[in-house]
Protein backbone atom coordinates (compact mmCIF):
# COMPACT_ATOMS: atom_id res chain seq x y z
CA UNK A 1 52.01 75.59 117.75
CA UNK A 2 52.77 78.47 115.39
CA UNK A 3 56.39 77.73 114.54
CA UNK A 4 58.06 79.69 111.77
CA UNK A 5 59.72 76.60 110.27
CA UNK A 6 59.04 72.89 110.11
CA UNK A 7 62.75 72.21 110.69
CA UNK A 8 65.82 74.19 111.66
CA UNK A 9 69.11 72.56 110.70
CA UNK A 10 72.21 73.77 112.55
CA UNK A 11 75.25 73.30 110.32
CA UNK A 12 75.62 72.57 106.62
CA UNK A 13 78.18 69.76 106.46
CA UNK A 14 77.39 66.18 105.49
CA UNK A 15 74.72 65.78 108.17
CA UNK A 16 73.12 69.20 107.77
CA UNK A 17 73.17 69.55 103.99
CA UNK A 18 71.73 66.09 103.40
CA UNK A 19 68.94 66.32 105.97
CA UNK A 20 68.03 69.84 104.81
CA UNK A 21 67.78 68.59 101.24
CA UNK A 22 65.68 65.53 102.03
CA UNK A 23 63.29 67.33 104.41
CA UNK A 24 62.79 70.12 101.88
CA UNK A 25 61.98 67.45 99.29
CA UNK A 26 59.23 66.25 101.62
CA UNK A 27 57.65 69.68 101.48
CA UNK A 28 58.90 70.93 104.83
CA UNK A 29 59.83 74.56 105.39
CA UNK A 30 63.52 74.28 106.27
CA UNK A 31 66.00 76.80 107.66
CA UNK A 32 69.75 76.08 107.68
CA UNK A 33 71.91 78.10 110.09
CA UNK A 34 75.62 77.98 109.21
CA UNK A 35 78.31 79.72 111.27
CA UNK A 36 80.69 80.22 108.32
CA UNK A 37 80.59 82.15 105.09
CA UNK A 38 79.20 81.14 101.73
CA UNK A 39 82.48 80.89 99.84
CA UNK A 40 83.02 81.82 96.19
CA UNK A 41 86.19 80.87 94.32
CA UNK A 42 87.32 84.50 94.26
CA UNK A 43 87.22 84.56 98.09
CA UNK A 44 89.28 81.45 98.84
CA UNK A 45 92.23 82.19 101.15
CA UNK A 46 95.50 82.27 99.30
CA UNK A 47 97.83 84.95 100.71
CA UNK A 48 99.30 85.02 104.20
CA UNK A 49 96.89 87.71 105.39
CA UNK A 50 93.74 86.18 103.93
CA UNK A 51 90.81 84.72 105.88
CA UNK A 52 92.43 81.41 106.78
CA UNK A 53 91.07 80.98 110.28
CA UNK A 54 87.73 80.89 112.05
CA UNK A 55 88.14 81.94 115.67
CA UNK A 56 85.29 80.64 117.82
CA UNK A 57 86.14 83.24 120.48
CA UNK A 58 85.98 86.19 118.07
CA UNK A 59 83.87 85.02 115.09
CA UNK A 60 82.65 88.52 114.21
CA UNK A 61 86.22 89.50 113.35
CA UNK A 62 87.71 86.17 112.28
CA UNK A 63 85.34 83.97 110.27
CA UNK A 64 87.68 82.31 107.80
CA UNK A 65 88.13 78.91 106.21
CA UNK A 66 89.55 76.72 108.98
CA UNK A 67 88.70 76.29 112.65
CA UNK A 68 91.76 74.79 114.35
CA UNK A 69 91.19 73.93 118.02
CA UNK A 70 94.18 73.19 120.26
CA UNK A 71 93.59 70.96 123.27
CA UNK A 72 96.03 69.49 125.77
CA UNK A 73 97.03 66.42 123.76
CA UNK A 74 95.72 67.09 120.27
CA UNK A 75 94.71 69.67 117.69
CA UNK A 76 91.36 69.28 115.91
CA UNK A 77 90.92 70.64 112.39
CA UNK A 78 87.45 71.66 111.15
CA UNK A 79 86.06 73.66 108.24
CA UNK A 80 83.79 76.70 108.50
CA UNK A 81 81.44 77.64 105.67
CA UNK A 82 78.37 76.64 103.69
CA UNK A 83 79.21 73.04 102.86
CA UNK A 84 80.89 72.33 106.20
CA UNK A 85 83.56 69.66 106.23
CA UNK A 86 83.20 69.00 102.50
CA UNK A 87 85.00 72.29 101.87
CA UNK A 88 88.25 71.19 103.50
CA UNK A 89 88.27 67.39 103.40
CA UNK A 90 90.31 65.44 100.87
CA UNK A 91 87.26 64.27 98.87
CA UNK A 92 87.70 60.65 100.00
CA UNK A 93 84.43 58.69 100.24
CA UNK A 94 85.04 55.23 101.69
CA UNK A 95 82.33 52.90 102.91
CA UNK A 96 83.03 51.46 106.35
CA UNK A 97 84.33 47.91 106.63
CA UNK A 98 81.22 45.78 107.34
CA UNK A 99 82.92 44.47 110.49
CA UNK A 100 82.76 47.98 112.00
CA UNK A 101 79.13 47.56 113.01
CA UNK A 102 79.59 44.23 114.80
CA UNK A 103 80.42 45.87 118.12
CA UNK A 104 79.46 49.11 119.82
CA UNK A 105 76.76 50.13 117.34
CA UNK A 106 72.97 49.81 117.72
CA UNK A 107 71.66 46.56 116.25
CA UNK A 108 69.67 48.52 113.65
CA UNK A 109 72.87 49.94 112.11
CA UNK A 110 74.51 47.36 109.86
CA UNK A 111 76.42 47.55 106.62
CA UNK A 112 73.46 46.02 104.78
CA UNK A 113 71.16 48.65 106.27
CA UNK A 114 73.45 51.51 105.25
CA UNK A 115 74.40 50.21 101.79
CA UNK A 116 71.40 51.73 99.91
CA UNK A 117 72.19 55.07 101.54
CA UNK A 118 75.88 54.82 100.67
CA UNK A 119 74.79 54.32 97.06
CA UNK A 120 72.39 57.24 97.22
CA UNK A 121 75.13 59.57 98.46
CA UNK A 122 77.60 58.27 95.87
CA UNK A 123 75.21 59.21 93.07
CA UNK A 124 74.60 62.75 94.31
CA UNK A 125 78.29 63.34 95.07
CA UNK A 126 79.26 61.90 91.65
CA UNK A 127 82.07 59.75 93.06
CA UNK A 128 84.93 58.86 90.74
CA UNK A 129 88.45 57.44 90.96
CA UNK A 130 91.65 58.93 89.61
CA UNK A 131 92.01 57.98 85.91
CA UNK A 132 94.97 55.76 85.03
CA UNK A 133 96.38 58.48 82.78
CA UNK A 134 96.50 60.94 85.69
CA UNK A 135 98.26 58.99 88.43
CA UNK A 136 100.14 61.29 90.79
CA UNK A 137 103.71 60.69 91.95
CA UNK A 138 102.34 60.15 95.45
CA UNK A 139 99.96 57.48 94.17
CA UNK A 140 102.84 55.71 92.40
CA UNK A 141 105.03 55.91 95.51
CA UNK A 142 102.30 54.45 97.74
CA UNK A 143 101.64 51.68 95.20
CA UNK A 144 105.35 50.88 95.04
CA UNK A 145 105.53 50.67 98.83
CA UNK A 146 102.49 48.38 98.99
CA UNK A 147 103.94 46.06 96.37
CA UNK A 148 107.39 45.86 97.98
CA UNK A 149 105.85 45.10 101.38
CA UNK A 150 103.56 42.40 100.00
CA UNK A 151 100.39 44.43 100.39
CA UNK A 152 99.48 44.90 96.73
CA UNK A 153 96.13 43.19 97.33
CA UNK A 154 95.28 45.79 99.98
CA UNK A 155 96.13 48.77 97.79
CA UNK A 156 93.34 50.48 95.83
CA UNK A 157 92.24 53.78 94.40
CA UNK A 158 89.95 55.72 96.72
CA UNK A 159 86.55 56.91 95.48
CA UNK A 160 86.70 60.71 95.31
CA UNK A 161 84.09 63.47 95.14
CA UNK A 162 85.99 64.99 92.23
CA UNK A 163 85.04 65.38 88.57
CA UNK A 164 87.77 64.26 86.16
CA UNK A 165 88.16 64.58 82.42
CA UNK A 166 89.84 61.59 80.73
CA UNK A 167 91.45 64.02 78.30
CA UNK A 168 93.64 65.73 80.90
CA UNK A 169 97.22 64.52 81.52
CA UNK A 170 100.56 65.81 82.76
CA UNK A 171 101.98 65.93 79.22
CA UNK A 172 99.67 68.73 78.07
CA UNK A 173 101.29 72.11 77.47
CA UNK A 174 100.92 74.11 80.70
CA UNK A 175 98.70 71.34 82.15
CA UNK A 176 97.67 73.31 85.24
CA UNK A 177 96.14 76.27 83.42
CA UNK A 178 92.33 76.68 83.71
CA UNK A 179 91.90 76.35 79.93
CA UNK A 180 92.33 72.59 80.37
CA UNK A 181 89.40 72.39 82.81
CA UNK A 182 86.19 71.50 80.97
CA UNK A 183 83.27 73.59 82.18
CA UNK A 184 79.92 71.84 82.50
CA UNK A 185 76.61 72.03 84.34
CA UNK A 186 76.21 69.30 86.95
CA UNK A 187 73.05 67.34 87.76
CA UNK A 188 72.03 69.97 90.31
CA UNK A 189 72.31 72.82 87.81
CA UNK A 190 75.63 74.19 89.11
CA UNK A 191 78.59 75.24 86.97
CA UNK A 192 81.68 73.13 87.58
CA UNK A 193 84.98 72.34 85.92
CA UNK A 194 87.11 69.21 85.67
CA UNK A 195 90.22 68.51 87.72
CA UNK A 196 93.54 69.92 86.51
CA UNK A 197 95.56 68.69 89.53
CA UNK A 198 96.12 72.09 91.16
CA UNK A 199 96.36 70.39 94.55
CA UNK A 200 94.14 72.93 96.34
CA UNK A 201 91.44 70.42 97.34
CA UNK A 202 91.62 71.34 101.04
CA UNK A 203 91.57 75.11 100.57
CA UNK A 204 89.03 75.52 97.76
CA UNK A 205 89.22 74.14 94.23
CA UNK A 206 89.87 77.05 91.86
CA UNK A 207 88.06 75.35 88.95
CA UNK A 208 85.23 73.85 91.07
CA UNK A 209 86.11 70.27 90.15
CA UNK A 210 85.62 69.16 93.75
CA UNK A 211 82.04 68.06 94.33
CA UNK A 212 81.47 69.87 97.60
CA UNK A 213 78.06 70.00 99.28
CA UNK A 214 77.49 73.60 98.19
CA UNK A 215 77.44 72.29 94.61
CA UNK A 216 74.93 69.44 95.05
CA UNK A 217 72.89 68.76 98.20
CA UNK A 218 72.64 72.41 99.27
CA UNK A 219 71.46 73.69 95.85
CA UNK A 220 68.93 70.85 95.78
CA UNK A 221 67.65 71.94 99.18
CA UNK A 222 67.41 75.58 98.09
CA UNK A 223 65.63 74.64 94.85
CA UNK A 224 62.97 73.03 97.04
CA UNK A 225 62.54 76.08 99.22
CA UNK A 226 65.09 75.66 102.00
CA UNK A 227 66.64 78.88 103.30
CA UNK A 228 70.37 78.92 104.06
CA UNK A 229 71.71 81.65 106.33
CA UNK A 230 75.51 81.90 106.52
CA UNK A 231 77.33 83.64 109.40
CA UNK A 232 74.78 82.56 112.02
CA UNK A 233 76.22 81.18 115.26
CA UNK A 234 73.74 79.23 117.37
CA UNK A 235 73.92 79.82 121.12
CA UNK A 236 71.02 77.87 122.61
CA UNK A 237 68.12 75.57 121.85
CA UNK A 238 65.11 75.76 124.15
CA UNK A 239 61.65 74.24 124.20
CA UNK A 240 58.88 76.52 123.00
CA UNK A 241 55.15 75.76 122.58
CA UNK A 242 55.64 72.11 121.76
CA UNK A 243 58.60 72.79 119.48
CA UNK A 244 61.90 74.61 119.83
CA UNK A 245 63.34 78.11 119.76
CA UNK A 246 66.85 78.47 118.41
CA UNK A 247 68.74 81.55 119.60
CA UNK A 248 71.68 82.72 117.52
CA UNK A 249 74.08 85.58 116.84
CA UNK A 250 74.23 86.87 113.27
CA UNK A 251 77.59 88.23 112.12
CA UNK A 252 76.93 91.63 110.57
CA UNK A 253 79.80 93.93 109.58
CA UNK A 254 82.09 92.97 112.40
CA UNK A 255 79.49 92.72 115.15
CA UNK A 256 77.11 90.12 116.55
CA UNK A 257 73.35 90.70 116.30
CA UNK A 258 71.08 88.53 118.45
CA UNK A 259 68.12 86.76 116.83
CA UNK A 260 65.96 83.65 117.09
CA UNK A 261 63.65 81.40 115.09
CA UNK A 262 61.21 78.65 116.04
CA UNK A 263 60.54 75.26 114.51
CA UNK A 264 58.68 72.05 115.19
CA UNK A 265 61.93 70.08 114.99
CA UNK A 266 65.64 70.88 115.22
CA UNK A 267 68.49 68.93 113.68
CA UNK A 268 71.91 69.64 115.17
CA UNK A 269 74.65 69.04 112.60
CA UNK A 270 77.53 71.23 113.72
CA UNK A 271 80.16 68.49 113.78
CA UNK A 272 81.58 66.40 116.60
CA UNK A 273 82.89 69.38 118.57
CA UNK A 274 80.20 71.88 117.57
CA UNK A 275 77.15 69.71 118.22
CA UNK A 276 78.50 68.39 121.50
CA UNK A 277 79.49 71.86 122.73
CA UNK A 278 76.09 73.32 121.84
CA UNK A 279 74.21 70.61 123.72
CA UNK A 280 76.60 70.83 126.68
CA UNK A 281 75.90 74.55 126.91
CA UNK A 282 72.16 73.90 126.69
CA UNK A 283 72.36 71.36 129.51
CA UNK A 284 75.07 72.68 131.83
CA UNK A 285 75.35 76.41 131.22
CA UNK A 286 72.04 77.83 130.01
CA UNK A 287 69.98 74.90 131.37
CA UNK A 288 67.50 75.09 128.52
CA UNK A 289 67.74 71.31 127.98
CA UNK A 290 68.55 70.03 131.48
CA UNK A 291 67.47 66.46 130.86
CA UNK A 292 70.10 65.51 128.28
CA UNK A 293 71.88 62.21 128.89
CA UNK A 294 74.88 61.98 131.22
CA UNK A 295 76.62 60.31 128.26
CA UNK A 296 76.83 63.68 126.49
CA UNK A 297 80.47 64.47 125.74
CA UNK A 298 81.74 60.93 126.21
CA UNK A 299 83.30 58.50 123.73
CA UNK A 300 85.02 61.15 121.65
CA UNK A 301 87.41 59.74 119.04
CA UNK A 302 90.28 61.10 116.94
CA UNK A 303 89.82 58.19 114.51
CA UNK A 304 93.51 57.45 115.19
CA UNK A 305 94.66 60.12 112.75
CA UNK A 306 98.44 60.18 112.43
CA UNK A 307 100.49 62.18 109.93
CA UNK A 308 104.13 61.28 109.22
CA UNK A 309 106.57 63.09 106.93
CA UNK A 310 109.25 61.36 104.88
CA UNK A 311 112.04 62.90 102.82
CA UNK A 312 113.44 61.52 99.56
CA UNK A 313 116.77 62.42 98.02
CA UNK A 314 115.47 62.57 94.44
CA UNK A 315 113.83 65.87 93.54
CA UNK A 316 110.46 65.21 91.94
CA UNK A 317 110.07 61.82 93.60
CA UNK A 318 106.91 62.96 95.36
CA UNK A 319 105.59 66.23 93.88
CA UNK A 320 103.65 66.68 97.09
CA UNK A 321 101.55 69.65 96.03
CA UNK A 322 100.21 68.30 92.73
CA UNK A 323 97.01 66.35 92.13
CA UNK A 324 94.07 65.33 94.32
CA UNK A 325 95.03 65.44 98.00
CA UNK A 326 94.47 61.69 98.46
CA UNK A 327 93.92 59.14 95.72
CA UNK A 328 94.86 55.76 97.22
CA UNK A 329 94.65 53.68 100.38
CA UNK A 330 96.18 50.53 101.83
CA UNK A 331 93.53 48.88 103.97
CA UNK A 332 94.21 46.95 107.16
CA UNK A 333 90.75 47.28 108.69
CA UNK A 334 90.44 43.48 108.77
CA UNK A 335 92.66 43.45 111.88
CA UNK A 336 95.47 41.50 110.23
CA UNK A 337 98.16 43.74 111.78
CA UNK A 338 98.21 42.46 115.33
CA UNK A 339 94.48 42.99 115.68
CA UNK A 340 94.74 46.72 114.98
CA UNK A 341 92.42 48.11 112.28
CA UNK A 342 93.48 51.09 110.15
CA UNK A 343 94.14 52.49 106.68
CA UNK A 344 97.19 54.26 105.22
CA UNK A 345 96.76 56.94 102.56
CA UNK A 346 98.99 59.17 100.46
CA UNK A 347 98.33 62.70 101.63
CA UNK A 348 98.93 65.92 99.73
CA UNK A 349 99.16 69.54 100.76
CA UNK A 350 98.49 72.66 98.66
CA UNK A 351 101.45 74.63 97.37
CA UNK A 352 100.07 77.55 99.39
CA UNK A 353 100.29 75.63 102.63
CA UNK A 354 103.03 77.84 104.07
CA UNK A 355 100.55 80.71 104.22
CA UNK A 356 97.94 78.60 105.96
CA UNK A 357 100.49 77.10 108.36
CA UNK A 358 101.70 80.52 109.39
CA UNK A 359 98.12 81.50 110.17
CA UNK A 360 97.57 78.29 112.15
CA UNK A 361 100.79 78.69 114.12
CA UNK A 362 99.83 82.25 115.02
CA UNK A 363 96.40 81.16 116.25
CA UNK A 364 95.53 81.53 119.96
CA UNK A 365 96.40 78.36 121.86
CA UNK A 366 98.68 77.00 119.13
CA UNK A 367 101.42 76.14 121.62
CA UNK A 368 101.67 72.53 122.72
CA UNK A 369 100.40 69.37 121.07
CA UNK A 370 99.86 69.54 117.32
CA UNK A 371 102.20 72.50 116.92
CA UNK A 372 105.27 70.28 116.43
CA UNK A 373 103.93 68.64 113.29
CA UNK A 374 102.88 71.97 111.77
CA UNK A 375 106.35 73.40 112.41
CA UNK A 376 107.96 70.30 110.92
CA UNK A 377 105.99 70.68 107.70
CA UNK A 378 106.70 74.40 107.60
CA UNK A 379 110.46 73.67 107.74
CA UNK A 380 110.11 71.45 104.66
CA UNK A 381 108.07 74.06 102.80
CA UNK A 382 110.64 76.78 103.47
CA UNK A 383 113.40 74.60 102.05
CA UNK A 384 111.38 73.36 99.08
CA UNK A 385 108.21 75.42 98.35
CA UNK A 386 106.94 72.82 95.88
CA UNK A 387 107.61 69.89 98.24
CA UNK A 388 108.97 67.83 95.37
CA UNK A 389 110.69 65.32 97.66
CA UNK A 390 108.55 65.35 100.82
CA UNK A 391 105.93 62.64 101.35
CA UNK A 392 103.16 62.85 103.94
CA UNK A 393 101.59 59.57 105.01
CA UNK A 394 98.16 59.71 106.65
CA UNK A 395 96.82 57.03 108.95
CA UNK A 396 93.29 56.57 110.26
CA UNK A 397 92.14 53.76 112.49
CA UNK A 398 90.11 52.31 115.30
CA UNK A 399 91.27 54.07 118.45
CA UNK A 400 89.73 53.59 121.89
CA UNK A 401 87.17 56.37 121.46
CA UNK A 402 87.52 57.26 125.13
CA UNK A 403 87.85 61.04 125.00
CA UNK A 404 85.52 63.27 127.01
CA UNK A 405 84.27 66.74 126.12
CA UNK A 406 83.00 69.07 128.82
CA UNK A 407 82.73 72.75 129.70
CA UNK A 408 85.56 74.04 131.87
CA UNK A 409 85.61 77.32 133.76
CA UNK A 410 88.57 79.62 133.14
CA UNK A 411 90.84 79.96 136.15
CA UNK A 412 90.87 83.77 136.24
CA UNK A 413 87.45 84.25 134.62
CA UNK A 414 85.23 81.57 136.17
CA UNK A 415 82.11 83.03 134.57
CA UNK A 416 83.47 81.93 131.18
CA UNK A 417 83.23 78.28 130.17
CA UNK A 418 85.40 76.85 127.39
CA UNK A 419 85.08 73.52 125.65
CA UNK A 420 87.59 71.10 127.17
CA UNK A 421 88.76 67.77 125.78
CA UNK A 422 90.26 65.12 128.03
CA UNK A 423 91.91 62.61 125.73
CA UNK A 424 95.22 60.81 125.80
CA UNK A 425 96.84 59.03 122.85
CA UNK A 426 98.51 56.55 125.20
CA UNK A 427 95.20 54.71 125.59
CA UNK A 428 95.22 54.12 121.82
CA UNK A 429 98.93 53.40 121.67
CA UNK A 430 98.48 50.06 119.87
CA UNK A 431 96.80 51.38 116.74
CA UNK A 432 98.87 54.58 116.63
CA UNK A 433 102.13 52.65 116.82
CA UNK A 434 100.86 50.15 114.24
CA UNK A 435 100.18 53.03 111.84
CA UNK A 436 103.56 54.60 112.57
CA UNK A 437 105.28 51.25 111.97
CA UNK A 438 103.68 50.88 108.54
CA UNK A 439 104.64 54.48 107.71
CA UNK A 440 108.22 53.60 108.67
CA UNK A 441 108.27 50.43 106.57
CA UNK A 442 106.71 52.09 103.51
CA UNK A 443 109.27 54.87 103.65
CA UNK A 444 112.21 52.47 103.99
CA UNK A 445 110.90 50.24 101.19
CA UNK A 446 110.87 53.17 98.78
CA UNK A 447 114.24 54.66 99.74
CA UNK A 448 113.04 57.54 101.88
CA UNK A 449 113.88 58.77 105.36
CA UNK A 450 111.11 59.19 107.89
CA UNK A 451 111.35 62.34 109.99
CA UNK A 452 111.32 61.00 113.54
CA UNK A 453 112.06 62.93 116.70
CA UNK A 454 112.75 61.78 120.22
CA UNK A 455 111.12 58.59 121.52
CA UNK A 456 107.43 59.17 122.09
CA UNK A 457 107.39 62.23 119.86
CA UNK A 458 104.57 60.85 117.72
CA UNK A 459 102.28 61.41 120.68
CA UNK A 460 103.19 65.10 120.73
CA UNK A 461 102.24 65.67 117.10
CA UNK A 462 98.65 64.51 117.04
CA UNK A 463 96.27 66.38 114.75
CA UNK A 464 92.91 64.88 113.86
CA UNK A 465 90.99 65.62 110.68
CA UNK A 466 88.27 63.10 111.63
CA UNK A 467 86.77 64.09 115.02
CA UNK A 468 83.96 61.74 116.00
CA UNK A 469 81.65 61.11 118.93
CA UNK A 470 80.38 63.14 121.86
CA UNK A 471 76.68 62.46 121.15
CA UNK A 472 76.91 58.73 120.62
CA UNK A 473 74.08 56.50 119.48
CA UNK A 474 72.78 54.05 122.05
CA UNK A 475 69.73 52.08 123.09
CA UNK A 476 68.76 54.42 125.95
CA UNK A 477 69.93 57.54 127.79
CA UNK A 478 71.96 55.20 130.02
CA UNK A 479 74.38 54.36 127.21
CA UNK A 480 73.82 57.01 124.56
CA UNK A 481 72.67 60.53 123.75
CA UNK A 482 70.58 59.67 120.66
CA UNK A 483 68.87 56.59 119.30
CA UNK A 484 69.73 54.83 116.04
CA UNK A 485 67.73 57.47 114.14
CA UNK A 486 69.59 60.37 115.71
CA UNK A 487 66.72 61.48 117.96
CA UNK A 488 67.85 62.79 121.34
CA UNK A 489 66.62 60.63 124.22
CA UNK A 490 63.88 62.46 126.12
CA UNK A 491 63.53 65.23 123.53
CA UNK A 492 61.02 64.48 120.81
CA UNK A 493 61.88 65.95 117.40
CA UNK A 494 65.38 67.04 118.47
CA UNK A 495 68.07 65.25 116.46
CA UNK A 496 71.84 65.10 116.11
CA UNK A 497 72.91 64.25 112.56
CA UNK A 498 76.68 64.27 112.09
CA UNK A 499 79.91 62.56 113.17
CA UNK A 500 79.09 63.27 116.83
CA UNK A 501 76.64 60.34 116.88
CA UNK A 502 79.23 57.72 115.86
CA UNK A 503 79.57 55.42 118.89
CA UNK A 504 83.08 54.32 117.87
CA UNK A 505 85.83 55.36 115.52
CA UNK A 506 85.15 54.39 111.90
CA UNK A 507 88.73 53.38 111.02
CA UNK A 508 88.36 54.55 107.45
CA UNK A 509 87.59 58.15 106.45
CA UNK A 510 84.20 58.86 108.10
CA UNK A 511 82.50 61.34 105.74
CA UNK A 512 80.74 58.74 103.59
CA UNK A 513 79.40 56.89 106.63
CA UNK A 514 78.22 60.16 108.20
CA UNK A 515 76.47 61.00 104.93
CA UNK A 516 74.82 57.57 104.69
CA UNK A 517 73.57 57.84 108.28
CA UNK A 518 72.16 61.31 107.49
CA UNK A 519 70.29 59.93 104.47
CA UNK A 520 68.87 57.17 106.65
CA UNK A 521 67.82 59.53 109.44
CA UNK A 522 66.17 61.93 106.99
CA UNK A 523 64.29 59.06 105.36
CA UNK A 524 62.63 58.26 108.71
CA UNK A 525 61.57 61.81 109.60
CA UNK A 526 57.99 62.68 108.70
């Protein structure tokens, strides 16, 4: 065939950036299509009217930082931009508990198998932990809670994709001014700074201390000839002359311009929702890939994400907005808490969060589940813009992974199909309530007051930062969409390489496991 590219990669998050880099290193001609912008520090959203949101229904007009999808029982938060989820995640890079792979995963995927790839990712991402001289108030509060509850042995610093300088500390004069950030050139030839605890990890690090994919894997890919095209929204994948044609819309000055490219192989890496929706449209709407597995869309997981807010009477007890967003975790993934497996982390929000929350609350479909938690945090921010006494606890765990994604026709516009998610937190009640119980105990042990509403209200405030599944790995099309190397059953040289292929929740933060799986998949593509 006369394909234009050896590989087209759809998406530039952990799956897309890593596979693009490794295939380009093998001498392949690689094209990366990314729906979001290529962000520079000067463009990060900061003011209320800035480009906070990406609207999948009107991307030509709204192609901002965050894609927040509201479904019946949950809101799903995703990033949009070159670098994908690395732009808006909290930099936490945790390996999965080895026991994760004992059930529900292909036999080929074990901790021992993934360990060399975990290490490979850790080196490129330059993982570090928070220096002892820079411990945040939130870290100290979480450590205190762990010690008082007898969980000191479960408490640890989290590895972070952040570059620190041992010379920085809170006692410096004007410690948060850029002059204290040490500029350097990283191993991939990119200019970065060191962390000065601005707290903007999730909305773009002003001094580029966060080791996002656009500062490592993506530059490596481009140095080896890969082409990255931002603002390209893929519509369909279809077979063409032994390979594939990818049809997309390019965002150009407020309008969509249709285009296409061909390649011998395609790697879909648009995230759990994005990859699953694209393949559903190819199978059920456009019918360009009619033979995709009936398992497509099944086994979606929220990774049992639960956020709880606690209030402390002492001003400055928390200093919510300062420092890396997360720097510690208490790990219960051994199942010691009534058989439920989860982690608890100290979670931080930027001091500009009120602006982002207002944008999120004004988004189409924001009514319903997920909105309550956002409003609750906004109330705190209004009363105390620096959130000096508000603590946010984050939980992640092994939920049932029984959600289902599909395309649903609009009632009054049946020719339009929207992505629909059927998922109920009640089926994962055990792990969610176990997380909430630990949040409650940690707050009480440290003298705080947990903000709790009416009975059952925790199930009305679900927001996931860790969407997983929809294109699960399996042993055949009868129980999966892709094999253990990410190749779609029945479609040679078509791959899914992101969190969509996880057959279960990961319990811990999933980015590092997604990255390790991407390294492994890329290593087997020739």
